[in-house]
Amino acid sequence: MESISVFEIIKVGIGPSSSHTMGPWNAASAFIRILNREKSIAEVKEVFLEFFGSLAKTGIGHGTDIAGMLGLNGEDFKTIDTTKIDDIVNGIKESQVINLGGEKKIPFVYGHHLVLNKSESLAYHPNGMIFKAIFEDGTDLMQDFYSVGGGFIMSQEKNSIEKQCVRTLYPCHHGSDIVKYCENLGLNKISDLILINEESWRTQEETRAEALNIWKNIKECVYKGVNKEGILPGGLNVTRRAAGINRKLLGDKVYTNIDEWFQQVVDAEENFTNINKWISCFALAVNEENASFGRIITAPTNGASGVIPAVLMYSQAFTEAKTDDDIERFILVAGEIGTLFKKNATISAAMGGCQAEIGVSSAMAAAGLTEILGGSVGQVLMAAEIAMEHHLGLTCDPIKGLVQIPCIERNTMGAIKAITAANIALESDPAKAKVSLDEVIQTMWETALSMNDRFKETSEGGLAIAVNVPEC
């Protein structure tokens, strides 16, 4: 089984969805590379993109069509100025021209060259898409891609995606592997093991630097979210709430930058109610940014991107575990737990419902928090198990296909459950646990396989049809 870096699970992304926005964007970029590998962009006459299954059914609400166009246009979601996205997309639609790969302008008519096929699904995976290029000489090239969660893409043709296969020094594909290697190496901290394994991709210094870069992006995202008011895009007329909560909790305190704001948070009155409100505020801030095509941290998906930031912000503001070392250890452990779900179950809501997103992120956050609060190896894994256990069966039923209702509030719930799971695990003896993390991951996967497709990000069941929202 292939090893996965923690920074493939926790990474810089863009809203509103990892599987429905970042995945198609990555696929479009990969298709551009394939075109250049097989021929060249200069030889392309036309390009077509068709989305199927869940990508088509909730594509408009998730910005799938926008991501496809931006990817084909040669944009990079890690660097694009997010305030320019509407202008670029409107320009493509109005001019009916796309700058393929940023190199060649060709005709591109929305609805003809890009189609959302809601009546068909590809057999390989519910998040399927097919790209087709027609060259000046009349030949063509087709490529299928599947967005499998967290921005990851794959194809039925293994040689279609350039990917380096990595095997770490101490491969951890199950929770039992983590326990075994920690015992064999005499390690009391899971993060020490993960730091060693991450050397398969980069030096330990680079790993630490990337963890702190993740933290920097988290703080920036939360800060943007708590200082932005208004209505979220998409037609549901959902009001941003993080800014109002932030204002009420800080009162008349003044700040002009991120560091001043964060210090005001730390210095604010601490009581159970206020801390709970701050946790919700942090999660809401991130997911409101996510719903607005903002730059966020995918962890492990965009729909669940508020959980880990909320719990990590909680640890930095309201616990003693607030050093750079604590931040690094939290992210390493949280990311590693995410890889276990990715390898043995799914992190795609289209495959497993929201248990695969909020549930996994809550398990990740619970493990990370337990690690930095002094938990043992067994307690860290126990915390992850407890968090997932209480998300089993959670459906993905976004109203109008938007990552807003119930998605945004679910992040606050996932964060609170993660903190509760950590506290329970820290007061428990893992040797007496009745359910292991590996067992709950297997149970989650079996639950996913049994779940009706209506509850897997299709907007055909649950709240998506129970709540009558008029078309705008």
Protein backbone atom coordinates (compact mmCIF):
# COMPACT_ATOMS: atom_id res chain seq x y z
CA MET A 1 0.00 0.00 0.00
CA GLU A 2 1.31 3.43 -0.92
CA SER A 3 2.31 5.86 1.81
CA ILE A 4 0.66 9.28 1.97
CA SER A 5 2.28 12.40 3.39
CA VAL A 6 0.37 14.29 6.07
CA PHE A 7 0.62 17.35 3.80
CA GLU A 8 -1.43 15.62 1.14
CA ILE A 9 -4.22 15.43 3.72
CA ILE A 10 -3.74 18.86 5.34
CA LYS A 11 -2.89 21.38 2.64
CA VAL A 12 -3.61 24.81 1.24
CA GLY A 13 -6.77 24.76 -0.86
CA ILE A 14 -9.60 26.85 -2.18
CA GLY A 15 -13.33 26.67 -1.50
CA PRO A 16 -15.96 25.55 -1.61
CA SER A 17 -15.28 21.80 -2.06
CA SER A 18 -12.18 19.63 -2.22
CA SER A 19 -13.86 16.88 -4.23
CA HIS A 20 -16.09 19.10 -6.37
CA THR A 21 -13.84 22.15 -6.79
CA MET A 22 -10.19 21.25 -6.15
CA GLY A 23 -10.49 17.75 -7.66
CA PRO A 24 -11.88 18.95 -11.01
CA TRP A 25 -9.38 21.82 -10.98
CA ASN A 26 -6.53 19.34 -10.44
CA ALA A 27 -7.95 17.12 -13.18
CA ALA A 28 -8.09 20.01 -15.65
CA SER A 29 -4.48 20.88 -14.84
CA ALA A 30 -3.47 17.23 -15.26
CA PHE A 31 -5.24 17.11 -18.63
CA ILE A 32 -3.22 20.13 -19.75
CA ARG A 33 -0.02 18.26 -18.82
CA ILE A 34 -1.21 15.19 -20.73
CA LEU A 35 -1.89 17.31 -23.82
CA ASN A 36 1.62 18.72 -23.69
CA ARG A 37 3.03 15.26 -23.13
CA GLU A 38 1.19 13.68 -26.05
CA LYS A 39 1.32 16.62 -28.48
CA SER A 40 1.17 20.28 -27.51
CA ILE A 41 -1.33 22.95 -26.51
CA ALA A 42 -0.57 24.75 -29.77
CA GLU A 43 -2.09 21.85 -31.74
CA VAL A 44 -5.44 21.86 -29.87
CA LYS A 45 -8.47 23.15 -31.80
CA GLU A 46 -11.23 22.50 -29.24
CA VAL A 47 -11.55 21.06 -25.76
CA PHE A 48 -14.61 19.52 -24.10
CA LEU A 49 -15.36 18.71 -20.46
CA GLU A 50 -18.32 16.65 -19.23
CA PHE A 51 -19.14 16.08 -15.55
CA PHE A 52 -21.14 13.08 -14.33
CA GLY A 53 -22.89 11.80 -11.18
CA SER A 54 -22.43 13.81 -8.01
CA LEU A 55 -20.14 16.30 -9.77
CA ALA A 56 -23.00 17.18 -12.13
CA LYS A 57 -25.86 17.05 -9.64
CA THR A 58 -24.26 19.45 -7.15
CA GLY A 59 -21.79 21.02 -9.55
CA ILE A 60 -23.23 24.51 -9.71
CA GLY A 61 -23.47 24.85 -5.94
CA HIS A 62 -19.94 23.51 -5.45
CA GLY A 63 -18.38 25.58 -8.23
CA THR A 64 -17.40 22.46 -10.19
CA ASP A 65 -17.99 24.17 -13.53
CA ILE A 66 -15.98 27.20 -12.40
CA ALA A 67 -13.09 24.99 -11.26
CA GLY A 68 -13.06 23.15 -14.59
CA MET A 69 -12.87 26.39 -16.55
CA LEU A 70 -10.19 27.89 -14.33
CA GLY A 71 -8.08 24.74 -14.50
CA LEU A 72 -8.30 24.61 -18.28
CA ASN A 73 -7.46 28.31 -18.36
CA GLY A 74 -4.14 27.56 -16.70
CA GLU A 75 -4.94 29.02 -13.27
CA ASP A 76 -3.45 27.56 -10.06
CA PHE A 77 -5.76 27.47 -7.02
CA LYS A 78 -2.77 27.82 -4.69
CA THR A 79 -1.75 31.17 -6.13
CA ILE A 80 -4.78 32.67 -7.88
CA ASP A 81 -6.09 35.97 -6.54
CA THR A 82 -9.43 34.72 -5.23
CA THR A 83 -10.98 38.16 -5.66
CA LYS A 84 -10.46 37.85 -9.44
CA ILE A 85 -12.23 34.51 -9.90
CA ASP A 86 -15.62 35.98 -10.88
CA ASP A 87 -14.00 38.31 -13.41
CA ILE A 88 -12.03 35.48 -15.05
CA VAL A 89 -15.03 33.14 -15.26
CA ASN A 90 -17.39 35.85 -16.53
CA GLY A 91 -14.78 36.78 -19.11
CA ILE A 92 -14.65 33.21 -20.42
CA LYS A 93 -18.44 32.95 -20.60
CA GLU A 94 -18.97 36.34 -22.24
CA SER A 95 -16.13 36.10 -24.78
CA GLN A 96 -16.75 32.37 -25.39
CA VAL A 97 -12.99 31.97 -25.46
CA ILE A 98 -10.68 30.12 -23.06
CA ASN A 99 -6.91 30.53 -22.83
CA LEU A 100 -6.04 26.85 -22.77
CA GLY A 101 -3.23 26.19 -20.32
CA GLY A 102 -2.59 29.94 -20.34
CA GLU A 103 -1.00 29.44 -23.77
CA LYS A 104 -3.59 29.32 -26.58
CA LYS A 105 -6.97 30.99 -26.96
CA ILE A 106 -9.62 28.67 -28.40
CA PRO A 107 -13.44 28.79 -28.68
CA PHE A 108 -15.22 27.73 -25.49
CA VAL A 109 -19.00 27.90 -25.21
CA TYR A 110 -20.42 27.15 -21.76
CA GLY A 111 -23.11 24.48 -22.12
CA HIS A 112 -21.48 23.08 -25.25
CA HIS A 113 -17.82 22.65 -24.41
CA LEU A 114 -18.64 22.20 -20.71
CA VAL A 115 -21.62 20.04 -19.77
CA LEU A 116 -23.10 18.92 -16.45
CA ASN A 117 -24.61 15.50 -17.22
CA LYS A 118 -27.04 14.90 -14.35
CA SER A 119 -28.64 11.81 -15.89
CA GLU A 120 -25.55 9.60 -16.11
CA SER A 121 -22.83 8.36 -13.76
CA LEU A 122 -19.55 6.71 -14.62
CA ALA A 123 -19.23 3.22 -13.19
CA TYR A 124 -15.77 3.67 -11.68
CA HIS A 125 -16.69 6.41 -9.17
CA PRO A 126 -19.62 8.81 -8.59
CA ASN A 127 -17.34 11.85 -9.05
CA GLY A 128 -16.46 11.22 -12.68
CA MET A 129 -15.51 13.53 -15.54
CA ILE A 130 -14.28 13.13 -19.11
CA PHE A 131 -12.00 15.55 -20.96
CA LYS A 132 -11.68 15.52 -24.73
CA ALA A 133 -9.36 17.51 -26.97
CA ILE A 134 -9.68 17.78 -30.74
CA PHE A 135 -6.48 18.67 -32.54
CA GLU A 136 -5.98 20.75 -35.67
CA ASP A 137 -5.20 17.58 -37.67
CA GLY A 138 -8.61 16.05 -36.79
CA THR A 139 -7.33 13.53 -34.22
CA ASP A 140 -8.56 13.59 -30.65
CA LEU A 141 -7.55 12.59 -27.14
CA MET A 142 -9.91 11.60 -24.32
CA GLN A 143 -9.16 11.15 -20.63
CA ASP A 144 -11.36 10.16 -17.71
CA PHE A 145 -10.70 11.43 -14.19
CA TYR A 146 -12.32 10.76 -10.83
CA SER A 147 -12.29 13.10 -7.86
CA VAL A 148 -11.97 10.74 -4.91
CA GLY A 149 -11.99 13.22 -2.02
CA GLY A 150 -9.64 15.77 -0.49
CA GLY A 151 -8.65 17.07 -3.92
CA PHE A 152 -7.15 13.69 -4.88
CA ILE A 153 -7.77 12.52 -8.44
CA MET A 154 -7.29 9.21 -10.18
CA SER A 155 -7.96 7.58 -13.51
CA GLN A 156 -8.64 4.06 -14.71
CA GLU A 157 -5.41 4.38 -16.74
CA LYS A 158 -2.60 4.27 -14.20
CA ASN A 159 -0.17 6.00 -16.54
CA SER A 160 -2.41 9.02 -17.05
CA ILE A 161 -1.41 10.79 -13.83
CA GLU A 162 2.22 11.44 -13.02
CA LYS A 163 2.64 10.33 -9.40
CA GLN A 164 5.65 9.23 -7.40
CA CYS A 165 5.05 6.06 -5.38
CA VAL A 166 6.56 6.46 -1.92
CA ARG A 167 7.08 3.90 0.83
CA THR A 168 8.11 5.31 4.19
CA LEU A 169 10.70 3.79 6.51
CA TYR A 170 7.97 2.65 8.92
CA PRO A 171 4.79 2.26 6.84
CA CYS A 172 1.70 3.08 8.90
CA HIS A 173 -1.39 1.92 7.08
CA HIS A 174 -3.39 1.04 10.20
CA GLY A 175 -3.60 2.20 13.77
CA SER A 176 -2.00 -1.08 14.81
CA ASP A 177 1.06 -0.21 12.70
CA ILE A 178 1.48 3.04 14.63
CA VAL A 179 1.34 1.17 17.95
CA LYS A 180 3.82 -1.46 16.73
CA TYR A 181 6.43 0.98 15.48
CA CYS A 182 6.16 3.27 18.48
CA GLU A 183 6.71 0.28 20.76
CA ASN A 184 9.57 -1.11 18.66
CA LEU A 185 11.34 2.25 18.48
CA GLY A 186 10.63 3.20 22.09
CA LEU A 187 8.68 6.32 21.07
CA ASN A 188 6.14 7.84 23.44
CA LYS A 189 4.85 10.34 20.89
CA ILE A 190 3.17 9.42 17.60
CA SER A 191 4.44 12.69 16.15
CA ASP A 192 8.04 11.51 16.56
CA LEU A 193 7.28 8.50 14.35
CA ILE A 194 5.49 10.61 11.75
CA LEU A 195 8.35 13.12 11.65
CA ILE A 196 10.71 10.27 10.76
CA ASN A 197 8.40 8.96 8.05
CA GLU A 198 7.90 12.40 6.51
CA GLU A 199 11.62 12.35 5.66
CA SER A 200 10.58 10.23 2.67
CA TRP A 201 9.34 13.52 1.16
CA ARG A 202 11.39 16.28 2.82
CA THR A 203 13.81 17.04 5.65
CA GLN A 204 12.59 17.35 9.22
CA GLU A 205 13.29 21.07 9.09
CA GLU A 206 11.16 21.40 5.96
CA THR A 207 8.38 19.38 7.58
CA ARG A 208 8.37 21.70 10.59
CA ALA A 209 8.38 24.73 8.32
CA GLU A 210 5.42 23.41 6.33
CA ALA A 211 3.47 22.70 9.52
CA LEU A 212 3.99 26.29 10.63
CA ASN A 213 3.00 27.50 7.16
CA ILE A 214 -0.26 25.57 7.56
CA TRP A 215 -0.79 27.33 10.91
CA LYS A 216 -0.06 30.71 9.30
CA ASN A 217 -2.69 30.04 6.63
CA ILE A 218 -5.18 28.87 9.26
CA LYS A 219 -4.80 32.08 11.25
CA GLU A 220 -5.11 34.21 8.12
CA CYS A 221 -8.26 32.38 7.05
CA VAL A 222 -9.89 32.68 10.48
CA TYR A 223 -8.94 36.35 10.66
CA LYS A 224 -10.54 37.06 7.29
CA GLY A 225 -13.65 35.18 8.34
CA VAL A 226 -14.14 37.02 11.64
CA ASN A 227 -13.80 40.38 9.91
CA LYS A 228 -16.14 39.85 6.98
CA GLU A 229 -19.88 40.40 7.12
CA GLY A 230 -22.63 39.99 4.56
CA ILE A 231 -24.45 37.25 2.66
CA LEU A 232 -22.80 34.11 1.30
CA PRO A 233 -23.06 33.57 -2.48
CA GLY A 234 -25.26 30.89 -4.04
CA GLY A 235 -28.83 32.04 -3.52
CA LEU A 236 -29.61 30.64 -0.06
CA ASN A 237 -29.06 34.10 1.45
CA VAL A 238 -27.11 32.63 4.37
CA THR A 239 -25.80 35.39 6.63
CA ARG A 240 -22.19 35.29 7.78
CA ARG A 241 -22.16 34.84 11.56
CA ALA A 242 -18.51 34.62 12.60
CA ALA A 243 -17.95 38.39 12.51
CA GLY A 244 -20.94 39.04 14.76
CA ILE A 245 -19.84 36.45 17.31
CA ASN A 246 -16.29 37.82 17.25
CA ARG A 247 -17.57 41.35 17.84
CA LYS A 248 -19.78 40.34 20.76
CA LEU A 249 -17.05 38.32 22.45
CA LEU A 250 -14.40 41.04 22.14
CA GLY A 251 -16.67 43.94 23.01
CA ASP A 252 -14.90 47.25 22.58
CA LYS A 253 -11.40 45.81 22.20
CA VAL A 254 -9.48 47.17 19.21
CA TYR A 255 -7.05 45.39 16.90
CA THR A 256 -5.41 46.17 13.56
CA ASN A 257 -3.77 42.87 12.54
CA ILE A 258 -3.87 39.12 13.07
CA ASP A 259 -1.47 39.03 16.01
CA GLU A 260 -3.27 41.82 17.87
CA TRP A 261 -6.61 40.12 17.25
CA PHE A 262 -5.35 36.75 18.46
CA GLN A 263 -3.93 38.29 21.62
CA GLN A 264 -7.31 39.90 22.27
CA VAL A 265 -8.90 36.45 21.92
CA VAL A 266 -6.43 34.99 24.40
CA ASP A 267 -7.02 37.86 26.82
CA ALA A 268 -10.81 37.73 26.53
CA GLU A 269 -12.90 36.51 29.45
CA GLU A 270 -12.53 32.74 29.77
CA ASN A 271 -15.49 30.67 30.83
CA PHE A 272 -17.09 27.54 29.47
CA THR A 273 -19.75 29.38 27.48
CA ASN A 274 -17.36 31.90 25.95
CA ILE A 275 -14.80 29.25 25.01
CA ASN A 276 -17.53 27.21 23.33
CA LYS A 277 -18.61 30.30 21.41
CA TRP A 278 -15.03 30.97 20.31
CA ILE A 279 -14.68 27.40 19.02
CA SER A 280 -17.85 27.86 16.97
CA CYS A 281 -16.67 31.28 15.81
CA PHE A 282 -13.37 29.84 14.54
CA ALA A 283 -15.12 27.03 12.63
CA LEU A 284 -17.77 29.34 11.18
CA ALA A 285 -15.12 31.83 10.07
CA VAL A 286 -13.24 29.22 8.04
CA ASN A 287 -16.29 27.67 6.45
CA GLU A 288 -17.81 31.00 5.55
CA GLU A 289 -14.56 31.76 3.74
CA ASN A 290 -14.73 28.33 2.12
CA ALA A 291 -18.27 28.93 0.88
CA SER A 292 -17.07 32.14 -0.78
CA PHE A 293 -14.26 30.62 -2.89
CA GLY A 294 -11.75 31.74 -0.25
CA ARG A 295 -8.33 30.22 0.38
CA ILE A 296 -8.57 27.68 3.19
CA ILE A 297 -6.77 24.64 4.58
CA THR A 298 -8.18 21.38 3.24
CA ALA A 299 -8.25 19.01 6.23
CA PRO A 300 -9.03 16.46 4.93
CA THR A 301 -11.67 18.13 2.71
CA ASN A 302 -13.02 21.62 2.15
CA GLY A 303 -16.47 20.84 3.49
CA ALA A 304 -14.78 19.89 6.77
CA SER A 305 -12.07 22.56 6.65
CA GLY A 306 -13.24 24.36 9.79
CA VAL A 307 -12.81 21.53 12.30
CA ILE A 308 -9.02 21.32 12.60
CA PRO A 309 -8.54 25.11 12.54
CA ALA A 310 -11.15 25.51 15.30
CA VAL A 311 -9.55 22.85 17.52
CA LEU A 312 -5.99 24.05 16.87
CA MET A 313 -7.04 27.66 17.56
CA TYR A 314 -8.69 26.43 20.76
CA SER A 315 -5.47 24.74 21.86
CA GLN A 316 -3.41 27.85 21.13
CA ALA A 317 -5.79 30.26 22.84
CA PHE A 318 -7.14 28.29 25.79
CA THR A 319 -4.71 25.50 26.76
CA GLU A 320 -1.07 25.35 27.84
CA ALA A 321 -0.10 23.52 24.62
CA LYS A 322 0.64 26.63 22.58
CA THR A 323 4.23 26.40 21.37
CA ASP A 324 5.41 25.98 17.78
CA ASP A 325 6.35 22.43 18.71
CA ASP A 326 2.76 21.77 19.79
CA ILE A 327 1.45 23.14 16.49
CA GLU A 328 3.79 20.89 14.52
CA ARG A 329 2.90 17.79 16.56
CA PHE A 330 -0.83 18.48 16.29
CA ILE A 331 -0.67 18.77 12.50
CA LEU A 332 1.55 15.71 12.05
CA VAL A 333 -0.71 13.46 14.12
CA ALA A 334 -3.94 14.86 12.71
CA GLY A 335 -2.66 14.39 9.18
CA GLU A 336 -1.52 10.83 9.83
CA ILE A 337 -4.95 9.85 11.17
CA GLY A 338 -6.43 11.27 7.98
CA THR A 339 -4.20 8.99 5.89
CA LEU A 340 -5.60 5.93 7.69
CA PHE A 341 -9.14 6.84 6.65
CA LYS A 342 -8.00 7.68 3.12
CA LYS A 343 -6.31 4.28 2.71
CA ASN A 344 -8.86 2.06 4.43
CA ALA A 345 -12.20 3.81 3.88
CA THR A 346 -12.84 7.14 2.13
CA ILE A 347 -12.65 10.89 2.65
CA SER A 348 -15.16 11.52 -0.13
CA ALA A 349 -18.73 12.47 0.80
CA ALA A 350 -19.83 11.22 -2.60
CA MET A 351 -18.62 7.78 -1.49
CA GLY A 352 -19.35 7.81 2.22
CA GLY A 353 -21.59 10.70 3.20
CA CYS A 354 -20.55 13.42 5.63
CA GLN A 355 -19.05 10.88 8.04
CA ALA A 356 -16.21 10.78 5.50
CA GLU A 357 -15.65 14.52 5.85
CA ILE A 358 -16.76 15.98 9.19
CA GLY A 359 -16.33 12.59 10.88
CA VAL A 360 -12.79 12.12 9.61
CA SER A 361 -11.79 15.72 10.38
CA SER A 362 -13.16 15.37 13.91
CA ALA A 363 -11.15 12.17 14.42
CA MET A 364 -8.04 13.91 13.09
CA ALA A 365 -8.51 16.91 15.36
CA ALA A 366 -9.23 14.75 18.41
CA ALA A 367 -6.01 12.82 17.87
CA GLY A 368 -3.93 15.97 17.34
CA LEU A 369 -5.31 17.62 20.46
CA THR A 370 -4.77 14.52 22.59
CA GLU A 371 -1.17 14.33 21.38
CA ILE A 372 -0.27 17.84 22.50
CA LEU A 373 -2.20 17.60 25.77
CA GLY A 374 0.08 14.76 26.85
CA GLY A 375 -1.87 11.71 25.74
CA SER A 376 -0.20 8.35 25.27
CA VAL A 377 -0.06 6.57 21.91
CA GLY A 378 -3.10 4.52 22.90
CA GLN A 379 -5.04 7.56 24.11
CA VAL A 380 -4.38 9.44 20.86
CA LEU A 381 -5.79 6.59 18.78
CA MET A 382 -8.65 6.19 21.25
CA ALA A 383 -9.61 9.86 20.84
CA ALA A 384 -9.76 9.44 17.07
CA GLU A 385 -11.93 6.34 17.48
CA ILE A 386 -14.34 8.08 19.87
CA ALA A 387 -14.75 11.07 17.55
CA MET A 388 -15.53 8.91 14.51
CA GLU A 389 -17.76 6.57 16.48
CA HIS A 390 -20.13 9.48 17.07
CA HIS A 391 -20.23 10.53 13.42
CA LEU A 392 -21.02 7.12 11.93
CA GLY A 393 -23.81 7.28 9.39
CA LEU A 394 -23.74 11.06 9.02
CA THR A 395 -25.30 11.92 5.66
CA CYS A 396 -24.17 14.48 3.10
CA ASP A 397 -27.31 16.37 2.08
CA PRO A 398 -26.38 19.93 1.10
CA ILE A 399 -29.33 22.16 0.27
CA LYS A 400 -29.11 23.33 -3.36
CA GLY A 401 -25.75 21.58 -3.57
CA LEU A 402 -24.10 24.42 -1.67
CA VAL A 403 -21.50 23.82 1.04
CA GLN A 404 -23.54 25.95 3.45
CA ILE A 405 -26.57 24.23 5.01
CA PRO A 406 -25.97 22.08 7.01
CA CYS A 407 -22.24 21.97 6.22
CA ILE A 408 -21.04 25.15 7.94
CA GLU A 409 -22.67 24.40 11.29
CA ARG A 410 -21.56 20.77 11.12
CA ASN A 411 -17.99 21.99 11.39
CA THR A 412 -18.74 23.56 14.76
CA MET A 413 -20.25 20.28 15.94
CA GLY A 414 -17.27 18.30 14.65
CA ALA A 415 -14.87 20.58 16.53
CA ILE A 416 -16.76 20.30 19.81
CA LYS A 417 -16.95 16.51 19.46
CA ALA A 418 -13.21 16.37 18.80
CA ILE A 419 -12.43 18.28 21.99
CA THR A 420 -14.84 16.11 23.96
CA ALA A 421 -13.32 12.94 22.50
CA ALA A 422 -9.83 14.13 23.47
CA ASN A 423 -10.92 14.87 27.03
CA ILE A 424 -12.58 11.47 27.37
CA ALA A 425 -9.52 9.66 25.99
CA LEU A 426 -7.17 11.54 28.31
CA GLU A 427 -9.14 10.25 31.30
CA SER A 428 -9.39 6.67 30.00
CA ASP A 429 -7.30 3.52 29.86
CA PRO A 430 -6.91 2.50 26.17
CA ALA A 431 -6.23 -1.08 27.26
CA LYS A 432 -9.86 -1.30 28.36
CA ALA A 433 -11.31 0.10 25.12
CA LYS A 434 -13.88 -2.15 23.46
CA VAL A 435 -13.49 -0.69 19.96
CA SER A 436 -10.19 0.09 18.21
CA LEU A 437 -9.55 2.84 15.67
CA ASP A 438 -9.00 0.23 12.95
CA GLU A 439 -12.35 -1.34 13.76
CA VAL A 440 -14.21 1.96 13.62
CA ILE A 441 -12.57 2.81 10.28
CA GLN A 442 -13.74 -0.54 8.90
CA THR A 443 -17.19 0.09 10.32
CA MET A 444 -17.29 3.51 8.70
CA TRP A 445 -16.44 1.98 5.33
CA GLU A 446 -19.12 -0.70 5.69
CA THR A 447 -21.60 2.01 6.64
CA ALA A 448 -20.60 3.99 3.55
CA LEU A 449 -21.17 1.00 1.30
CA SER A 450 -24.62 0.46 2.81
CA MET A 451 -25.69 4.11 2.62
CA ASN A 452 -28.25 5.07 0.00
CA ASP A 453 -26.80 7.22 -2.78
CA ARG A 454 -29.39 9.91 -2.00
CA PHE A 455 -27.35 10.73 1.09
CA LYS A 456 -23.98 10.91 -0.67
CA GLU A 457 -23.62 14.49 -1.89
CA THR A 458 -26.29 14.28 -4.57
CA SER A 459 -28.76 16.74 -2.96
CA GLU A 460 -31.46 14.11 -3.55
CA GLY A 461 -32.16 13.22 0.07
CA GLY A 462 -32.20 14.45 3.66
CA LEU A 463 -32.29 18.19 4.27
CA ALA A 464 -31.67 18.82 0.58
CA ILE A 465 -35.24 17.80 -0.24
CA ALA A 466 -36.88 18.19 3.16
CA VAL A 467 -36.33 21.94 3.16
CA ASN A 468 -38.14 23.87 0.44
CA VAL A 469 -35.82 26.56 -0.88
CA PRO A 470 -37.21 28.48 -3.87
CA GLU A 471 -34.99 28.82 -6.93
CA CYS A 472 -33.44 32.27 -7.31
